[in-house]
Amino acid sequence: MESNRSLNVVLYTRDGCHLCEEAQEVLRGFGISPSVVDIDADLNLHERFGVCVPVVEIDGQIRFRGRVEPKLLRRIIRGGQ
């Protein structure tokens, strides 16, 4: 990671989702190992997100849906929001 900030990152995903795999690769490229949650294993999450995955939550706030934007992720890591 580019900072010593400790981030709590959750990646909401589902099996067979290529965008989810890409999101995980981008996060790992920044040194982030997210908690991965399969929305299909939880009815509430499935209803909440539907087909809109991946969803990346950072420190309790949803920051990305679909694709992870590296420039914005870099700002978030640095604390620039």
Protein backbone atom coordinates (compact mmCIF):
# COMPACT_ATOMS: atom_id res chain seq x y z
CA MET A 1 0.00 0.00 0.00
CA GLU A 2 1.14 3.53 -0.64
CA SER A 3 0.41 4.67 2.91
CA ASN A 4 0.60 3.26 6.39
CA ARG A 5 -3.13 3.84 6.88
CA SER A 6 -4.96 0.67 7.76
CA LEU A 7 -8.05 0.32 5.60
CA ASN A 8 -10.95 -2.05 6.15
CA VAL A 9 -11.83 -3.14 2.61
CA VAL A 10 -14.70 -5.44 1.65
CA LEU A 11 -15.20 -6.68 -1.90
CA TYR A 12 -18.75 -7.82 -2.59
CA THR A 13 -18.72 -10.30 -5.44
CA ARG A 14 -20.26 -13.42 -6.94
CA ASP A 15 -18.93 -16.51 -8.67
CA GLY A 16 -18.12 -16.13 -12.35
CA CYS A 17 -17.91 -12.33 -12.26
CA HIS A 18 -14.95 -11.19 -14.39
CA LEU A 19 -15.28 -7.58 -13.18
CA CYS A 20 -15.02 -8.88 -9.61
CA GLU A 21 -11.77 -10.63 -10.49
CA GLU A 22 -10.45 -7.43 -12.08
CA ALA A 23 -11.41 -5.40 -9.00
CA GLN A 24 -9.59 -7.83 -6.74
CA GLU A 25 -6.48 -7.60 -8.95
CA VAL A 26 -6.50 -3.79 -8.81
CA LEU A 27 -6.88 -3.83 -5.02
CA ARG A 28 -4.06 -6.34 -4.66
CA GLY A 29 -1.91 -4.18 -6.92
CA PHE A 30 -2.22 -1.48 -4.25
CA GLY A 31 -1.28 -3.94 -1.52
CA ILE A 32 -4.85 -4.35 -0.31
CA SER A 33 -6.17 -7.79 0.61
CA PRO A 34 -9.92 -7.26 0.86
CA SER A 35 -12.39 -9.41 2.72
CA VAL A 36 -14.30 -11.09 -0.11
CA VAL A 37 -18.04 -11.61 0.39
CA ASP A 38 -20.17 -13.63 -2.05
CA ILE A 39 -23.50 -11.80 -2.24
CA ASP A 40 -25.27 -14.95 -3.41
CA ALA A 41 -24.56 -16.58 -0.04
CA ASP A 42 -26.61 -13.93 1.80
CA LEU A 43 -30.18 -13.12 0.75
CA ASN A 44 -30.00 -9.58 2.19
CA LEU A 45 -26.81 -8.78 0.26
CA HIS A 46 -28.23 -10.36 -2.89
CA GLU A 47 -31.30 -8.13 -2.60
CA ARG A 48 -29.17 -5.08 -1.79
CA PHE A 49 -26.71 -5.38 -4.67
CA GLY A 50 -28.56 -7.54 -7.23
CA VAL A 51 -26.49 -7.71 -10.41
CA CYS A 52 -24.43 -4.64 -9.49
CA VAL A 53 -21.14 -6.27 -8.53
CA PRO A 54 -18.37 -5.84 -7.76
CA VAL A 55 -18.94 -3.38 -4.96
CA VAL A 56 -15.96 -2.15 -2.96
CA GLU A 57 -16.57 -0.85 0.54
CA ILE A 58 -13.73 1.01 2.24
CA ASP A 59 -13.97 1.82 5.93
CA GLY A 60 -17.73 1.28 5.88
CA GLN A 61 -18.43 3.44 2.82
CA ILE A 62 -19.21 2.13 -0.66
CA ARG A 63 -16.55 3.63 -2.94
CA PHE A 64 -16.77 1.65 -6.18
CA ARG A 65 -19.40 -0.23 -8.15
CA GLY A 66 -18.41 -2.10 -11.27
CA ARG A 67 -14.84 -1.01 -11.83
CA VAL A 68 -12.20 0.22 -9.40
CA GLU A 69 -10.69 3.50 -10.58
CA PRO A 70 -6.97 3.43 -9.68
CA LYS A 71 -6.60 7.23 -9.43
CA LEU A 72 -9.49 7.53 -6.99
CA LEU A 73 -8.28 4.50 -5.03
CA ARG A 74 -4.86 6.13 -4.71
CA ARG A 75 -6.48 9.30 -3.30
CA ILE A 76 -8.55 7.28 -0.84
CA ILE A 77 -5.46 5.41 0.35
CA ARG A 78 -3.64 8.69 0.86
CA GLY A 79 -6.58 10.02 2.83
CA GLY A 80 -7.68 12.58 0.26
CA GLN A 81 -11.18 11.13 -0.10
